[in-house]
C-alpha atoms as a PDB file:
ATOM      1  CA  MET A   1       0.000   0.000   0.000  1.00  0.00           C
ATOM      2  CA  MET A   2       1.327   3.446  -0.905  1.00  0.00           C
ATOM      3  CA  SER A   3      -0.088   6.672   0.490  1.00  0.00           C
ATOM      4  CA  VAL A   4       0.432   9.753  -1.717  1.00  0.00           C
ATOM      5  CA  ASN A   5       0.070  13.357  -0.617  1.00  0.00           C
ATOM      6  CA  GLY A   6      -0.086  15.621  -3.633  1.00  0.00           C
ATOM      7  CA  ALA A   7       1.535  18.480  -1.790  1.00  0.00           C
ATOM      8  CA  ARG A   8       4.396  16.541  -0.262  1.00  0.00           C
ATOM      9  CA  GLY A   9       5.105  13.868  -2.825  1.00  0.00           C
ATOM     10  CA  PRO A  10       5.194  10.096  -2.240  1.00  0.00           C
ATOM     11  CA  GLY A  11       4.592   8.962   1.325  1.00  0.00           C
ATOM     12  CA  ARG A  12       5.831   5.867   3.105  1.00  0.00           C
ATOM     13  CA  ILE A  13       5.445   2.476   1.439  1.00  0.00           C
ATOM     14  CA  GLU A  14       4.026  -0.154   3.759  1.00  0.00           C
ATOM     15  CA  PHE A  15       4.194  -3.854   2.925  1.00  0.00           C
ATOM     16  CA  ARG A  16       1.715  -6.116   4.680  1.00  0.00           C
ATOM     17  CA  ALA A  17       0.785  -9.794   4.445  1.00  0.00           C
ATOM     18  CA  ASP A  18      -2.464  -9.738   6.398  1.00  0.00           C
ATOM     19  CA  ASP A  19      -4.601 -11.392   3.736  1.00  0.00           C
ATOM     20  CA  ARG A  20      -6.016 -14.554   5.358  1.00  0.00           C
ATOM     21  CA  SER A  21      -5.713 -16.398   2.051  1.00  0.00           C
ATOM     22  CA  LEU A  22      -1.892 -16.120   2.156  1.00  0.00           C
ATOM     23  CA  THR A  23       0.362 -18.677   3.863  1.00  0.00           C
ATOM     24  CA  PRO A  24       4.034 -18.259   4.805  1.00  0.00           C
ATOM     25  CA  TYR A  25       4.489 -22.037   4.815  1.00  0.00           C
ATOM     26  CA  ALA A  26       3.637 -22.960   1.230  1.00  0.00           C
ATOM     27  CA  GLY A  27       6.599 -25.361   1.161  1.00  0.00           C
ATOM     28  CA  LEU A  28       4.654 -27.755   3.417  1.00  0.00           C
ATOM     29  CA  ALA A  29       2.517 -28.576   0.372  1.00  0.00           C
ATOM     30  CA  ILE A  30       5.340 -30.833  -0.888  1.00  0.00           C
ATOM     31  CA  SER A  31       5.956 -32.742   2.339  1.00  0.00           C
ATOM     32  CA  GLY A  32       2.219 -32.835   3.060  1.00  0.00           C
ATOM     33  CA  GLU A  33       1.348 -34.399  -0.280  1.00  0.00           C
ATOM     34  CA  LEU A  34       4.177 -36.925   0.036  1.00  0.00           C
ATOM     35  CA  ALA A  35       3.065 -37.928   3.549  1.00  0.00           C
ATOM     36  CA  ARG A  36      -0.549 -38.317   2.419  1.00  0.00           C
ATOM     37  CA  ARG A  37       0.304 -40.451  -0.605  1.00  0.00           C
ATOM     38  CA  LEU A  38       2.537 -42.724   1.471  1.00  0.00           C
ATOM     39  CA  ARG A  39      -0.052 -42.852   4.290  1.00  0.00           C
ATOM     40  CA  LEU A  40       2.494 -41.841   6.898  1.00  0.00           C
ATOM     41  CA  VAL A  41      -0.035 -40.949   9.610  1.00  0.00           C
ATOM     42  CA  GLU A  42      -1.917 -44.232   9.186  1.00  0.00           C
ATOM     43  CA  LEU A  43       1.297 -46.275   9.280  1.00  0.00           C
ATOM     44  CA  VAL A  44       2.518 -44.493  12.419  1.00  0.00           C
ATOM     45  CA  ASP A  45      -0.806 -45.164  14.152  1.00  0.00           C
ATOM     46  CA  ALA A  46      -0.669 -48.823  13.100  1.00  0.00           C
ATOM     47  CA  GLU A  47       2.870 -49.283  14.428  1.00  0.00           C
ATOM     48  CA  LEU A  48       2.025 -47.525  17.690  1.00  0.00           C
ATOM     49  CA  ALA A  49      -1.099 -49.645  18.130  1.00  0.00           C
ATOM     50  CA  ALA A  50       1.075 -52.765  17.912  1.00  0.00           C
ATOM     51  CA  VAL A  51       3.195 -51.612  20.883  1.00  0.00           C
ATOM     52  CA  THR A  52       2.107 -53.568  23.950  1.00  0.00           C
ATOM     53  CA  ARG A  53       5.100 -53.411  26.307  1.00  0.00           C
ATOM     54  CA  VAL A  54       4.329 -49.872  27.493  1.00  0.00           C
ATOM     55  CA  ALA A  55       1.167 -47.852  28.046  1.00  0.00           C
ATOM     56  CA  ALA A  56      -0.457 -46.298  25.003  1.00  0.00           C
ATOM     57  CA  VAL A  57       0.178 -42.628  24.313  1.00  0.00           C
ATOM     58  CA  LYS A  58      -3.566 -41.948  24.284  1.00  0.00           C
ATOM     59  CA  GLN A  59      -6.434 -43.899  25.825  1.00  0.00           C
ATOM     60  CA  ARG A  60      -9.306 -41.952  24.274  1.00  0.00           C
ATOM     61  CA  ARG A  61      -9.937 -41.685  20.539  1.00  0.00           C
ATOM     62  CA  ARG A  62     -11.174 -38.096  20.465  1.00  0.00           C
ATOM     63  CA  GLY A  63      -8.857 -35.366  19.233  1.00  0.00           C
ATOM     64  CA  ARG A  64      -5.727 -36.050  17.219  1.00  0.00           C
ATOM     65  CA  SER A  65      -4.329 -39.558  17.047  1.00  0.00           C
ATOM     66  CA  PRO A  66      -0.748 -40.259  18.192  1.00  0.00           C
ATOM     67  CA  GLY A  67       0.273 -40.496  14.544  1.00  0.00           C
ATOM     68  CA  GLU A  68      -1.269 -37.116  13.766  1.00  0.00           C
ATOM     69  CA  LEU A  69       0.483 -35.622  16.778  1.00  0.00           C
ATOM     70  CA  ALA A  70       3.902 -36.955  15.745  1.00  0.00           C
ATOM     71  CA  VAL A  71       3.533 -35.892  12.101  1.00  0.00           C
ATOM     72  CA  SER A  72       2.130 -32.452  12.966  1.00  0.00           C
ATOM     73  CA  ILE A  73       5.080 -31.746  15.289  1.00  0.00           C
ATOM     74  CA  ALA A  74       7.441 -32.812  12.493  1.00  0.00           C
ATOM     75  CA  GLU A  75       5.662 -30.475  10.067  1.00  0.00           C
ATOM     76  CA  CYS A  76       5.978 -27.593  12.527  1.00  0.00           C
ATOM     77  CA  GLN A  77       9.696 -28.291  12.819  1.00  0.00           C
ATOM     78  CA  LEU A  78       9.989 -28.199   9.025  1.00  0.00           C
ATOM     79  CA  ALA A  79       8.325 -24.777   9.165  1.00  0.00           C
ATOM     80  CA  GLY A  80      10.985 -23.578  11.612  1.00  0.00           C
ATOM     81  CA  ALA A  81       9.442 -24.326  15.025  1.00  0.00           C
ATOM     82  CA  GLU A  82      12.118 -24.714  17.708  1.00  0.00           C
ATOM     83  CA  CYS A  83       9.929 -25.214  20.783  1.00  0.00           C
ATOM     84  CA  PHE A  84       6.374 -26.209  21.631  1.00  0.00           C
ATOM     85  CA  ASP A  85       5.210 -22.585  21.817  1.00  0.00           C
ATOM     86  CA  ASP A  86       6.184 -22.152  18.153  1.00  0.00           C
ATOM     87  CA  ILE A  87       3.472 -24.671  17.254  1.00  0.00           C
ATOM     88  CA  GLU A  88       0.903 -21.933  17.833  1.00  0.00           C
ATOM     89  CA  VAL A  89       2.418 -19.877  14.999  1.00  0.00           C
ATOM     90  CA  VAL A  90       1.947 -22.663  12.452  1.00  0.00           C
ATOM     91  CA  ARG A  91      -1.416 -23.574  13.970  1.00  0.00           C
ATOM     92  CA  ALA A  92      -2.678 -20.048  13.302  1.00  0.00           C
ATOM     93  CA  ASP A  93      -1.951 -20.467   9.582  1.00  0.00           C
ATOM     94  CA  GLU A  94      -5.472 -21.297   8.410  1.00  0.00           C
ATOM     95  CA  ALA A  95      -4.681 -20.759   4.722  1.00  0.00           C
ATOM     96  CA  GLY A  96      -2.006 -23.463   4.774  1.00  0.00           C
ATOM     97  CA  ALA A  97      -4.072 -26.042   6.652  1.00  0.00           C
ATOM     98  CA  ALA A  98      -5.155 -27.843   3.485  1.00  0.00           C
ATOM     99  CA  LEU A  99      -1.515 -28.155   2.390  1.00  0.00           C
ATOM    100  CA  ARG A 100      -0.317 -29.955   5.507  1.00  0.00           C
ATOM    101  CA  ALA A 101      -0.465 -33.693   6.145  1.00  0.00           C
ATOM    102  CA  VAL A 102      -2.255 -32.883   9.420  1.00  0.00           C
ATOM    103  CA  PRO A 103      -4.555 -29.881   8.861  1.00  0.00           C
ATOM    104  CA  ARG A 104      -5.660 -29.595  12.497  1.00  0.00           C
ATOM    105  CA  ILE A 105      -2.559 -29.013  14.601  1.00  0.00           C
ATOM    106  CA  PRO A 106      -2.963 -29.598  18.360  1.00  0.00           C
ATOM    107  CA  SER A 107      -2.427 -26.690  20.734  1.00  0.00           C
ATOM    108  CA  ALA A 108       1.004 -26.215  22.265  1.00  0.00           C
ATOM    109  CA  PRO A 109      -0.078 -27.325  25.783  1.00  0.00           C
ATOM    110  CA  THR A 110      -1.731 -30.462  24.384  1.00  0.00           C
ATOM    111  CA  ALA A 111       1.275 -31.312  22.213  1.00  0.00           C
ATOM    112  CA  ARG A 112       3.640 -30.787  25.148  1.00  0.00           C
ATOM    113  CA  GLN A 113       1.576 -33.015  27.433  1.00  0.00           C
ATOM    114  CA  LEU A 114       1.154 -35.852  24.949  1.00  0.00           C
ATOM    115  CA  ALA A 115       4.756 -35.703  23.721  1.00  0.00           C
ATOM    116  CA  GLY A 116       5.892 -36.488  27.254  1.00  0.00           C
ATOM    117  CA  ARG A 117       4.100 -39.834  27.053  1.00  0.00           C
ATOM    118  CA  PHE A 118       6.186 -41.115  24.149  1.00  0.00           C
ATOM    119  CA  LYS A 119       8.706 -43.691  25.343  1.00  0.00           C
ATOM    120  CA  ALA A 120      11.684 -45.110  23.464  1.00  0.00           C
ATOM    121  CA  THR A 121       9.506 -48.016  22.304  1.00  0.00           C
ATOM    122  CA  HIS A 122       7.049 -45.576  20.754  1.00  0.00           C
ATOM    123  CA  ILE A 123       9.858 -43.691  19.000  1.00  0.00           C
ATOM    124  CA  HIS A 124      11.162 -46.923  17.492  1.00  0.00           C
ATOM    125  CA  ALA A 125       7.643 -47.690  16.247  1.00  0.00           C
ATOM    126  CA  ILE A 126       7.518 -44.296  14.525  1.00  0.00           C
ATOM    127  CA  GLU A 127      10.902 -45.003  12.926  1.00  0.00           C
ATOM    128  CA  ARG A 128       9.585 -48.316  11.595  1.00  0.00           C
ATOM    129  CA  ALA A 129       6.578 -46.539  10.094  1.00  0.00           C
ATOM    130  CA  ALA A 130       8.830 -43.940   8.449  1.00  0.00           C
ATOM    131  CA  ALA A 131      11.003 -46.768   7.082  1.00  0.00           C
ATOM    132  CA  ARG A 132       7.936 -48.450   5.579  1.00  0.00           C
ATOM    133  CA  CYS A 133       7.075 -45.172   3.857  1.00  0.00           C
ATOM    134  CA  GLY A 134      10.616 -44.847   2.571  1.00  0.00           C
ATOM    135  CA  ASN A 135      10.644 -48.401   1.224  1.00  0.00           C
ATOM    136  CA  GLU A 136       7.309 -47.789  -0.508  1.00  0.00           C
ATOM    137  CA  LEU A 137       8.665 -44.598  -2.059  1.00  0.00           C
ATOM    138  CA  ASP A 138      11.696 -46.525  -3.343  1.00  0.00           C
ATOM    139  CA  ARG A 139       9.356 -49.122  -4.846  1.00  0.00           C
ATOM    140  CA  GLN A 140       7.325 -46.459  -6.641  1.00  0.00           C
ATOM    141  CA  LEU A 141      10.517 -44.841  -7.940  1.00  0.00           C
ATOM    142  CA  GLY A 142      11.735 -48.178  -9.270  1.00  0.00           C
ATOM    143  CA  ARG A 143      14.825 -48.377  -7.096  1.00  0.00           C
ATOM    144  CA  ASP A 144      16.586 -51.695  -6.643  1.00  0.00           C
ATOM    145  CA  PRO A 145      15.175 -53.272  -3.442  1.00  0.00           C
ATOM    146  CA  GLY A 146      18.235 -55.510  -3.124  1.00  0.00           C
ATOM    147  CA  GLU A 147      20.820 -52.738  -3.214  1.00  0.00           C
ATOM    148  CA  ALA A 148      23.430 -53.068  -0.468  1.00  0.00           C
ATOM    149  CA  VAL A 149      23.110 -50.595   2.395  1.00  0.00           C
ATOM    150  CA  THR A 150      25.851 -48.336   3.726  1.00  0.00           C
ATOM    151  CA  PHE A 151      25.190 -46.772   7.127  1.00  0.00           C
ATOM    152  CA  ASP A 152      26.491 -43.346   8.096  1.00  0.00           C
ATOM    153  CA  LEU A 153      26.614 -43.054  11.883  1.00  0.00           C
ATOM    154  CA  ASP A 154      27.295 -39.543  13.119  1.00  0.00           C
ATOM    155  CA  ALA A 155      27.893 -38.939  16.810  1.00  0.00           C
ATOM    156  CA  THR A 156      27.902 -35.298  17.860  1.00  0.00           C
ATOM    157  CA  GLU A 157      27.521 -33.369  21.083  1.00  0.00           C
ATOM    158  CA  THR A 158      24.341 -31.326  21.430  1.00  0.00           C
ATOM    159  CA  VAL A 159      24.947 -28.484  23.874  1.00  0.00           C
ATOM    160  CA  VAL A 160      21.901 -27.396  25.905  1.00  0.00           C
ATOM    161  CA  TYR A 161      21.239 -24.809  28.585  1.00  0.00           C
ATOM    162  CA  GLY A 162      19.427 -25.064  31.898  1.00  0.00           C
ATOM    163  CA  ARG A 163      20.468 -27.159  34.881  1.00  0.00           C
ATOM    164  CA  ARG A 164      17.215 -29.109  34.937  1.00  0.00           C
ATOM    165  CA  LYS A 165      17.574 -30.616  31.477  1.00  0.00           C
ATOM    166  CA  GLN A 166      16.754 -34.289  31.994  1.00  0.00           C
ATOM    167  CA  GLY A 167      19.411 -36.856  31.131  1.00  0.00           C
ATOM    168  CA  THR A 168      22.240 -34.457  30.307  1.00  0.00           C
ATOM    169  CA  GLY A 169      25.862 -34.561  31.416  1.00  0.00           C
ATOM    170  CA  ARG A 170      28.954 -32.391  31.432  1.00  0.00           C
ATOM    171  CA  THR A 171      31.467 -32.744  28.627  1.00  0.00           C
ATOM    172  CA  ARG A 172      35.226 -32.503  29.038  1.00  0.00           C
ATOM    173  CA  GLN A 173      34.940 -28.854  28.041  1.00  0.00           C
ATOM    174  CA  GLY A 174      32.380 -28.266  30.801  1.00  0.00           C
ATOM    175  CA  HIS A 175      29.326 -27.897  28.546  1.00  0.00           C
ATOM    176  CA  LEU A 176      25.970 -29.366  29.525  1.00  0.00           C
ATOM    177  CA  ALA A 177      25.165 -31.639  26.611  1.00  0.00           C
ATOM    178  CA  TYR A 178      23.704 -34.790  25.106  1.00  0.00           C
ATOM    179  CA  ASN A 179      25.412 -37.213  22.760  1.00  0.00           C
ATOM    180  CA  SER A 180      23.331 -37.304  19.582  1.00  0.00           C
ATOM    181  CA  TYR A 181      23.576 -40.437  17.451  1.00  0.00           C
ATOM    182  CA  VAL A 182      21.988 -40.434  13.989  1.00  0.00           C
ATOM    183  CA  VAL A 183      22.152 -43.277  11.460  1.00  0.00           C
ATOM    184  CA  THR A 184      21.390 -42.549   7.817  1.00  0.00           C
ATOM    185  CA  TRP A 185      21.196 -44.763   4.745  1.00  0.00           C
ATOM    186  CA  ALA A 186      24.059 -43.286   2.720  1.00  0.00           C
ATOM    187  CA  GLN A 187      22.890 -44.321  -0.761  1.00  0.00           C
ATOM    188  CA  ARG A 188      19.331 -43.032  -0.227  1.00  0.00           C
ATOM    189  CA  GLY A 189      20.116 -40.056   1.998  1.00  0.00           C
ATOM    190  CA  ARG A 190      17.469 -41.237   4.447  1.00  0.00           C
ATOM    191  CA  ALA A 191      17.619 -40.940   8.229  1.00  0.00           C
ATOM    192  CA  LEU A 192      16.771 -44.297   9.810  1.00  0.00           C
ATOM    193  CA  THR A 193      17.167 -43.969  13.560  1.00  0.00           C
ATOM    194  CA  SER A 194      18.600 -41.730  16.255  1.00  0.00           C
ATOM    195  CA  GLU A 195      19.327 -41.756  19.962  1.00  0.00           C
ATOM    196  CA  LEU A 196      20.017 -39.144  22.622  1.00  0.00           C
ATOM    197  CA  ARG A 197      22.273 -40.014  25.554  1.00  0.00           C
ATOM    198  CA  ALA A 198      23.968 -38.115  28.347  1.00  0.00           C
ATOM    199  CA  ALA A 199      27.330 -36.730  27.222  1.00  0.00           C
ATOM    200  CA  THR A 200      29.258 -38.194  30.149  1.00  0.00           C
ATOM    201  CA  ARG A 201      27.373 -41.431  30.710  1.00  0.00           C
ATOM    202  CA  PRO A 202      30.074 -44.074  31.285  1.00  0.00           C
ATOM    203  CA  GLY A 203      30.382 -46.490  28.394  1.00  0.00           C
ATOM    204  CA  SER A 204      27.324 -45.100  26.640  1.00  0.00           C
ATOM    205  CA  ARG A 205      28.992 -44.488  23.292  1.00  0.00           C
ATOM    206  CA  PRO A 206      29.849 -48.074  22.233  1.00  0.00           C
ATOM    207  CA  ARG A 207      26.494 -49.423  23.408  1.00  0.00           C
ATOM    208  CA  SER A 208      24.598 -46.590  21.727  1.00  0.00           C
ATOM    209  CA  ARG A 209      26.390 -47.187  18.433  1.00  0.00           C
ATOM    210  CA  SER A 210      25.582 -50.901  18.459  1.00  0.00           C
ATOM    211  CA  ARG A 211      21.986 -50.186  19.459  1.00  0.00           C
ATOM    212  CA  CYS A 212      21.545 -47.552  16.742  1.00  0.00           C
ATOM    213  CA  LEU A 213      23.049 -49.730  14.020  1.00  0.00           C
ATOM    214  CA  ALA A 214      20.894 -52.687  15.053  1.00  0.00           C
ATOM    215  CA  ALA A 215      17.760 -50.532  14.980  1.00  0.00           C
ATOM    216  CA  ALA A 216      18.749 -49.080  11.596  1.00  0.00           C
ATOM    217  CA  SER A 217      19.242 -52.531  10.094  1.00  0.00           C
ATOM    218  CA  GLY A 218      15.693 -53.389  11.120  1.00  0.00           C
ATOM    219  CA  CYS A 219      14.413 -50.409   9.105  1.00  0.00           C
ATOM    220  CA  CYS A 220      15.967 -51.644   5.849  1.00  0.00           C
ATOM    221  CA  PRO A 221      14.591 -54.254   3.424  1.00  0.00           C
ATOM    222  CA  ALA A 222      15.485 -57.815   4.397  1.00  0.00           C
ATOM    223  CA  GLY A 223      18.800 -59.069   3.085  1.00  0.00           C
ATOM    224  CA  THR A 224      20.277 -55.666   2.242  1.00  0.00           C
ATOM    225  CA  VAL A 225      22.370 -55.158   5.409  1.00  0.00           C
ATOM    226  CA  ARG A 226      25.526 -57.269   5.432  1.00  0.00           C
ATOM    227  CA  SER A 227      27.503 -56.111   8.481  1.00  0.00           C
ATOM    228  CA  PRO A 228      25.680 -53.536  10.623  1.00  0.00           C
ATOM    229  CA  PHE A 229      28.086 -53.598  13.577  1.00  0.00           C
ATOM    230  CA  ALA A 230      31.394 -52.406  12.091  1.00  0.00           C
ATOM    231  CA  ALA A 231      31.314 -49.163  14.071  1.00  0.00           C
ATOM    232  CA  THR A 232      34.235 -46.980  15.056  1.00  0.00           C
ATOM    233  CA  GLN A 233      34.426 -43.647  16.853  1.00  0.00           C
ATOM    234  CA  GLY A 234      33.338 -40.465  15.111  1.00  0.00           C
ATOM    235  CA  SER A 235      31.547 -40.643  11.774  1.00  0.00           C
ATOM    236  CA  THR A 236      31.148 -44.266  10.804  1.00  0.00           C
ATOM    237  CA  ARG A 237      30.466 -45.945   7.484  1.00  0.00           C
ATOM    238  CA  SER A 238      29.322 -49.523   7.798  1.00  0.00           C
ATOM    239  CA  ASN A 239      28.593 -51.687   4.765  1.00  0.00           C
END
């Protein structure tokens, strides 16, 4: 909008994006369509329903399902959310609701409460669902299902702040941190599994590597992983 005063010449130019039909998160249309076509939410719910060793994330069926919760949080992170309060920013985007895989995003307090109920077993179930989606995408793209797998295991320190951060430890440099382990399928560029451990937990690194590689091998098509345990310190490539 430009205001013009004939006596004084051009006024200030003001740019606004207050049209309710505009969305700042149009890029979620790509990930949303991909998730819908691969039925990511349905597969996550199915994997979580099969978990019997721990209590279910939700007992009642009303509201968003656990799969919708997990996928909506992931979509918010793709849009730049860094904490639960940022969910409200994406949630207020009514114009972009139809583009997302989960149009109705839960409120920040609800997401925070339910997210605390996810245990490691639930996270592994979500990883299995994501792997099923990835394998289906490879099938539709005509990729060789028998191609050998190379794992990339990256172990990095994630520095955090606040003395009450659960499960953290002090590094040799004195930082409060976690050890972040992420395993990706090198040939496909696909993250398979991850784990967060205290930075100073005695002996946690070797066990975490073996655990991560074992979990990653379970997310790959049968017969493609030859030796998932050849792990060394730092970034690891295991054929």
